[in-house]
Amino acid sequence: FTRSGIGRPSGRLAVGGGTYGTGWSTA
């Protein structure tokens, strides 16, 4: 089940990285 909208409008931003040339980002 995917996330649902609830409450006041809000946002989230995450950026990261690691070994083996790994990188990720989520908005």
PDB file of all heavy atoms in Angstrom:
ATOM      1  N   PHE A   1       0.852  -1.181   0.000  1.00  0.00           N
ATOM      2  CA  PHE A   1       0.000   0.000   0.000  1.00  0.00           C
ATOM      3  C   PHE A   1       0.892   1.236   0.000  1.00  0.00           C
ATOM      4  O   PHE A   1       1.779   1.375   0.847  1.00  0.00           O
ATOM      5  CB  PHE A   1      -0.910   0.018   1.230  1.00  0.00           C
ATOM      6  CG  PHE A   1      -1.933  -1.078   1.258  1.00  0.00           C
ATOM      7  CD1 PHE A   1      -1.643  -2.304   1.852  1.00  0.00           C
ATOM      8  CD2 PHE A   1      -3.173  -0.905   0.675  1.00  0.00           C
ATOM      9  CE1 PHE A   1      -2.576  -3.311   1.880  1.00  0.00           C
ATOM     10  CE2 PHE A   1      -4.116  -1.921   0.693  1.00  0.00           C
ATOM     11  CZ  PHE A   1      -3.823  -3.130   1.297  1.00  0.00           C
ATOM     12  N   THR A   2       0.665   2.136  -0.945  1.00  0.00           N
ATOM     13  CA  THR A   2       1.470   3.339  -1.030  1.00  0.00           C
ATOM     14  C   THR A   2       0.958   4.396  -0.060  1.00  0.00           C
ATOM     15  O   THR A   2      -0.156   4.323   0.440  1.00  0.00           O
ATOM     16  CB  THR A   2       1.468   3.904  -2.459  1.00  0.00           C
ATOM     17  OG1 THR A   2       0.115   4.173  -2.862  1.00  0.00           O
ATOM     18  CG2 THR A   2       2.078   2.901  -3.424  1.00  0.00           C
ATOM     19  N   ARG A   3       1.813   5.392   0.182  1.00  0.00           N
ATOM     20  CA  ARG A   3       1.492   6.427   1.151  1.00  0.00           C
ATOM     21  C   ARG A   3       0.319   7.276   0.670  1.00  0.00           C
ATOM     22  O   ARG A   3       0.114   7.454  -0.537  1.00  0.00           O
ATOM     23  CB  ARG A   3       2.714   7.313   1.393  1.00  0.00           C
ATOM     24  CG  ARG A   3       3.821   6.566   2.118  1.00  0.00           C
ATOM     25  CD  ARG A   3       5.156   7.256   1.981  1.00  0.00           C
ATOM     26  NE  ARG A   3       5.195   8.573   2.613  1.00  0.00           N
ATOM     27  CZ  ARG A   3       5.452   8.777   3.904  1.00  0.00           C
ATOM     28  NH1 ARG A   3       5.664   7.747   4.702  1.00  0.00           N
ATOM     29  NH2 ARG A   3       5.509   9.999   4.395  1.00  0.00           N
ATOM     30  N   SER A   4      -0.447   7.794   1.623  1.00  0.00           N
ATOM     31  CA  SER A   4      -1.633   8.585   1.304  1.00  0.00           C
ATOM     32  C   SER A   4      -1.479   9.991   1.864  1.00  0.00           C
ATOM     33  O   SER A   4      -0.689  10.236   2.780  1.00  0.00           O
ATOM     34  CB  SER A   4      -2.891   7.918   1.883  1.00  0.00           C
ATOM     35  OG  SER A   4      -2.770   7.759   3.283  1.00  0.00           O
ATOM     36  N   GLY A   5      -2.235  10.923   1.297  1.00  0.00           N
ATOM     37  CA  GLY A   5      -2.214  12.288   1.777  1.00  0.00           C
ATOM     38  C   GLY A   5      -3.065  12.438   3.030  1.00  0.00           C
ATOM     39  O   GLY A   5      -4.181  11.932   3.097  1.00  0.00           O
ATOM     40  N   ILE A   6      -2.534  13.126   4.030  1.00  0.00           N
ATOM     41  CA  ILE A   6      -3.260  13.319   5.270  1.00  0.00           C
ATOM     42  C   ILE A   6      -2.706  14.559   5.974  1.00  0.00           C
ATOM     43  O   ILE A   6      -1.512  14.848   5.909  1.00  0.00           O
ATOM     44  CB  ILE A   6      -3.141  12.075   6.189  1.00  0.00           C
ATOM     45  CG1 ILE A   6      -4.048  12.213   7.411  1.00  0.00           C
ATOM     46  CG2 ILE A   6      -1.712  11.835   6.600  1.00  0.00           C
ATOM     47  CD1 ILE A   6      -4.121  10.940   8.243  1.00  0.00           C
ATOM     48  N   GLY A   7      -3.609  15.304   6.599  1.00  0.00           N
ATOM     49  CA  GLY A   7      -3.187  16.454   7.376  1.00  0.00           C
ATOM     50  C   GLY A   7      -2.832  17.656   6.515  1.00  0.00           C
ATOM     51  O   GLY A   7      -3.148  17.742   5.322  1.00  0.00           O
ATOM     52  N   ARG A   8      -2.152  18.607   7.118  1.00  0.00           N
ATOM     53  CA  ARG A   8      -1.754  19.818   6.422  1.00  0.00           C
ATOM     54  C   ARG A   8      -0.718  19.499   5.350  1.00  0.00           C
ATOM     55  O   ARG A   8       0.080  18.567   5.492  1.00  0.00           O
ATOM     56  CB  ARG A   8      -1.176  20.820   7.414  1.00  0.00           C
ATOM     57  CG  ARG A   8      -2.159  21.256   8.493  1.00  0.00           C
ATOM     58  CD  ARG A   8      -1.483  22.160   9.497  1.00  0.00           C
ATOM     59  NE  ARG A   8      -0.911  23.347   8.851  1.00  0.00           N
ATOM     60  CZ  ARG A   8      -0.216  24.269   9.493  1.00  0.00           C
ATOM     61  NH1 ARG A   8       0.033  24.126  10.793  1.00  0.00           N
ATOM     62  NH2 ARG A   8       0.259  25.331   8.842  1.00  0.00           N
ATOM     63  N   PRO A   9      -0.706  20.264   4.245  1.00  0.00           N
ATOM     64  CA  PRO A   9       0.290  20.024   3.196  1.00  0.00           C
ATOM     65  C   PRO A   9       1.708  20.068   3.760  1.00  0.00           C
ATOM     66  O   PRO A   9       2.063  20.961   4.534  1.00  0.00           O
ATOM     67  CB  PRO A   9       0.041  21.167   2.211  1.00  0.00           C
ATOM     68  CG  PRO A   9      -1.402  21.533   2.413  1.00  0.00           C
ATOM     69  CD  PRO A   9      -1.657  21.337   3.881  1.00  0.00           C
ATOM     70  N   SER A  10       2.501  19.089   3.379  1.00  0.00           N
ATOM     71  CA  SER A  10       3.869  18.990   3.873  1.00  0.00           C
ATOM     72  C   SER A  10       4.735  18.364   2.797  1.00  0.00           C
ATOM     73  O   SER A  10       4.237  17.761   1.840  1.00  0.00           O
ATOM     74  CB  SER A  10       3.933  18.159   5.161  1.00  0.00           C
ATOM     75  OG  SER A  10       3.484  16.833   4.925  1.00  0.00           O
ATOM     76  N   GLY A  11       6.038  18.494   2.970  1.00  0.00           N
ATOM     77  CA  GLY A  11       6.981  17.934   2.009  1.00  0.00           C
ATOM     78  C   GLY A  11       8.141  17.266   2.708  1.00  0.00           C
ATOM     79  O   GLY A  11       8.401  17.488   3.888  1.00  0.00           O
ATOM     80  N   ARG A  12       8.847  16.432   1.963  1.00  0.00           N
ATOM     81  CA  ARG A  12       9.997  15.712   2.508  1.00  0.00           C
ATOM     82  C   ARG A  12      11.041  15.562   1.413  1.00  0.00           C
ATOM     83  O   ARG A  12      10.713  15.221   0.272  1.00  0.00           O
ATOM     84  CB  ARG A  12       9.571  14.342   3.025  1.00  0.00           C
ATOM     85  CG  ARG A  12      10.706  13.487   3.603  1.00  0.00           C
ATOM     86  CD  ARG A  12      10.133  12.217   4.234  1.00  0.00           C
ATOM     87  NE  ARG A  12       9.501  11.375   3.238  1.00  0.00           N
ATOM     88  CZ  ARG A  12      10.091  10.337   2.656  1.00  0.00           C
ATOM     89  NH1 ARG A  12      11.339  10.026   2.981  1.00  0.00           N
ATOM     90  NH2 ARG A  12       9.452   9.601   1.784  1.00  0.00           N
ATOM     91  N   LEU A  13      12.294  15.811   1.752  1.00  0.00           N
ATOM     92  CA  LEU A  13      13.391  15.666   0.805  1.00  0.00           C
ATOM     93  C   LEU A  13      14.524  14.934   1.494  1.00  0.00           C
ATOM     94  O   LEU A  13      14.936  15.307   2.596  1.00  0.00           O
ATOM     95  CB  LEU A  13      13.868  17.031   0.318  1.00  0.00           C
ATOM     96  CG  LEU A  13      15.063  17.036  -0.648  1.00  0.00           C
ATOM     97  CD1 LEU A  13      14.691  16.333  -1.952  1.00  0.00           C
ATOM     98  CD2 LEU A  13      15.536  18.451  -0.911  1.00  0.00           C
ATOM     99  N   ALA A  14      15.019  13.873   0.861  1.00  0.00           N
ATOM    100  CA  ALA A  14      16.106  13.085   1.433  1.00  0.00           C
ATOM    101  C   ALA A  14      17.134  12.800   0.353  1.00  0.00           C
ATOM    102  O   ALA A  14      16.782  12.446  -0.777  1.00  0.00           O
ATOM    103  CB  ALA A  14      15.584  11.779   2.016  1.00  0.00           C
ATOM    104  N   VAL A  15      18.405  12.970   0.685  1.00  0.00           N
ATOM    105  CA  VAL A  15      19.512  12.718  -0.233  1.00  0.00           C
ATOM    106  C   VAL A  15      20.589  11.972   0.532  1.00  0.00           C
ATOM    107  O   VAL A  15      20.866  12.286   1.700  1.00  0.00           O
ATOM    108  CB  VAL A  15      20.081  14.027  -0.812  1.00  0.00           C
ATOM    109  CG1 VAL A  15      21.233  13.733  -1.758  1.00  0.00           C
ATOM    110  CG2 VAL A  15      19.001  14.815  -1.522  1.00  0.00           C
ATOM    111  N   GLY A  16      21.193  10.961  -0.094  1.00  0.00           N
ATOM    112  CA  GLY A  16      22.232  10.212   0.595  1.00  0.00           C
ATOM    113  C   GLY A  16      23.120   9.461  -0.364  1.00  0.00           C
ATOM    114  O   GLY A  16      22.901   9.453  -1.585  1.00  0.00           O
ATOM    115  N   GLY A  17      24.132   8.829   0.185  1.00  0.00           N
ATOM    116  CA  GLY A  17      25.052   8.047  -0.618  1.00  0.00           C
ATOM    117  C   GLY A  17      25.823   7.084   0.256  1.00  0.00           C
ATOM    118  O   GLY A  17      25.736   7.130   1.490  1.00  0.00           O
ATOM    119  N   GLY A  18      26.570   6.189  -0.395  1.00  0.00           N
ATOM    120  CA  GLY A  18      27.322   5.196   0.356  1.00  0.00           C
ATOM    121  C   GLY A  18      28.345   4.498  -0.509  1.00  0.00           C
ATOM    122  O   GLY A  18      28.756   5.008  -1.566  1.00  0.00           O
ATOM    123  N   THR A  19      28.742   3.316  -0.072  1.00  0.00           N
ATOM    124  CA  THR A  19      29.764   2.558  -0.779  1.00  0.00           C
ATOM    125  C   THR A  19      29.246   2.041  -2.114  1.00  0.00           C
ATOM    126  O   THR A  19      28.055   2.103  -2.408  1.00  0.00           O
ATOM    127  CB  THR A  19      30.220   1.369   0.085  1.00  0.00           C
ATOM    128  OG1 THR A  19      29.075   0.589   0.443  1.00  0.00           O
ATOM    129  CG2 THR A  19      30.905   1.854   1.354  1.00  0.00           C
ATOM    130  N   TYR A  20      30.160   1.519  -2.926  1.00  0.00           N
ATOM    131  CA  TYR A  20      29.866   1.006  -4.268  1.00  0.00           C
ATOM    132  C   TYR A  20      29.264   2.083  -5.166  1.00  0.00           C
ATOM    133  O   TYR A  20      28.471   1.791  -6.070  1.00  0.00           O
ATOM    134  CB  TYR A  20      28.926  -0.199  -4.209  1.00  0.00           C
ATOM    135  CG  TYR A  20      29.433  -1.332  -3.369  1.00  0.00           C
ATOM    136  CD1 TYR A  20      28.777  -1.676  -2.183  1.00  0.00           C
ATOM    137  CD2 TYR A  20      30.564  -2.049  -3.724  1.00  0.00           C
ATOM    138  CE1 TYR A  20      29.232  -2.710  -1.380  1.00  0.00           C
ATOM    139  CE2 TYR A  20      31.035  -3.086  -2.934  1.00  0.00           C
ATOM    140  CZ  TYR A  20      30.362  -3.401  -1.763  1.00  0.00           C
ATOM    141  OH  TYR A  20      30.821  -4.421  -0.973  1.00  0.00           O
ATOM    142  N   GLY A  21      29.617   3.344  -4.910  1.00  0.00           N
ATOM    143  CA  GLY A  21      29.100   4.425  -5.736  1.00  0.00           C
ATOM    144  C   GLY A  21      27.599   4.598  -5.628  1.00  0.00           C
ATOM    145  O   GLY A  21      26.946   5.054  -6.582  1.00  0.00           O
ATOM    146  N   THR A  22      27.035   4.270  -4.484  1.00  0.00           N
ATOM    147  CA  THR A  22      25.592   4.315  -4.290  1.00  0.00           C
ATOM    148  C   THR A  22      25.126   5.728  -3.957  1.00  0.00           C
ATOM    149  O   THR A  22      25.752   6.432  -3.156  1.00  0.00           O
ATOM    150  CB  THR A  22      25.176   3.367  -3.158  1.00  0.00           C
ATOM    151  OG1 THR A  22      25.597   2.040  -3.482  1.00  0.00           O
ATOM    152  CG2 THR A  22      23.667   3.376  -2.973  1.00  0.00           C
ATOM    153  N   GLY A  23      24.036   6.133  -4.567  1.00  0.00           N
ATOM    154  CA  GLY A  23      23.422   7.415  -4.261  1.00  0.00           C
ATOM    155  C   GLY A  23      21.919   7.314  -4.393  1.00  0.00           C
ATOM    156  O   GLY A  23      21.404   6.537  -5.203  1.00  0.00           O
ATOM    157  N   TRP A  24      21.205   8.072  -3.586  1.00  0.00           N
ATOM    158  CA  TRP A  24      19.750   8.055  -3.650  1.00  0.00           C
ATOM    159  C   TRP A  24      19.178   9.420  -3.281  1.00  0.00           C
ATOM    160  O   TRP A  24      19.796  10.211  -2.568  1.00  0.00           O
ATOM    161  CB  TRP A  24      19.170   6.970  -2.737  1.00  0.00           C
ATOM    162  CG  TRP A  24      19.366   7.234  -1.262  1.00  0.00           C
ATOM    163  CD1 TRP A  24      18.572   7.953  -0.421  1.00  0.00           C
ATOM    164  CD2 TRP A  24      20.452   6.754  -0.471  1.00  0.00           C
ATOM    165  NE1 TRP A  24      19.086   7.959   0.848  1.00  0.00           N
ATOM    166  CE2 TRP A  24      20.237   7.232   0.851  1.00  0.00           C
ATOM    167  CE3 TRP A  24      21.583   5.975  -0.749  1.00  0.00           C
ATOM    168  CZ2 TRP A  24      21.125   6.950   1.884  1.00  0.00           C
ATOM    169  CZ3 TRP A  24      22.461   5.697   0.285  1.00  0.00           C
ATOM    170  CH2 TRP A  24      22.226   6.172   1.586  1.00  0.00           C
ATOM    171  N   SER A  25      17.991   9.686  -3.785  1.00  0.00           N
ATOM    172  CA  SER A  25      17.295  10.930  -3.470  1.00  0.00           C
ATOM    173  C   SER A  25      15.795  10.670  -3.550  1.00  0.00           C
ATOM    174  O   SER A  25      15.327   9.884  -4.385  1.00  0.00           O
ATOM    175  CB  SER A  25      17.693  12.043  -4.441  1.00  0.00           C
ATOM    176  OG  SER A  25      17.415  11.664  -5.774  1.00  0.00           O
ATOM    177  N   THR A  26      15.033  11.309  -2.678  1.00  0.00           N
ATOM    178  CA  THR A  26      13.588  11.164  -2.620  1.00  0.00           C
ATOM    179  C   THR A  26      12.953  12.519  -2.331  1.00  0.00           C
ATOM    180  O   THR A  26      13.431  13.258  -1.459  1.00  0.00           O
ATOM    181  CB  THR A  26      13.159  10.168  -1.523  1.00  0.00           C
ATOM    182  OG1 THR A  26      13.752   8.895  -1.771  1.00  0.00           O
ATOM    183  CG2 THR A  26      11.650  10.009  -1.488  1.00  0.00           C
ATOM    184  N   ALA A  27      11.898  12.849  -3.065  1.00  0.00           N
ATOM    185  CA  ALA A  27      11.126  14.062  -2.824  1.00  0.00           C
ATOM    186  C   ALA A  27       9.654  13.680  -2.740  1.00  0.00           C
ATOM    187  O   ALA A  27       9.165  12.883  -3.558  1.00  0.00           O
ATOM    188  CB  ALA A  27      11.353  15.084  -3.930  1.00  0.00           C
TER     189      ALA A  27
END
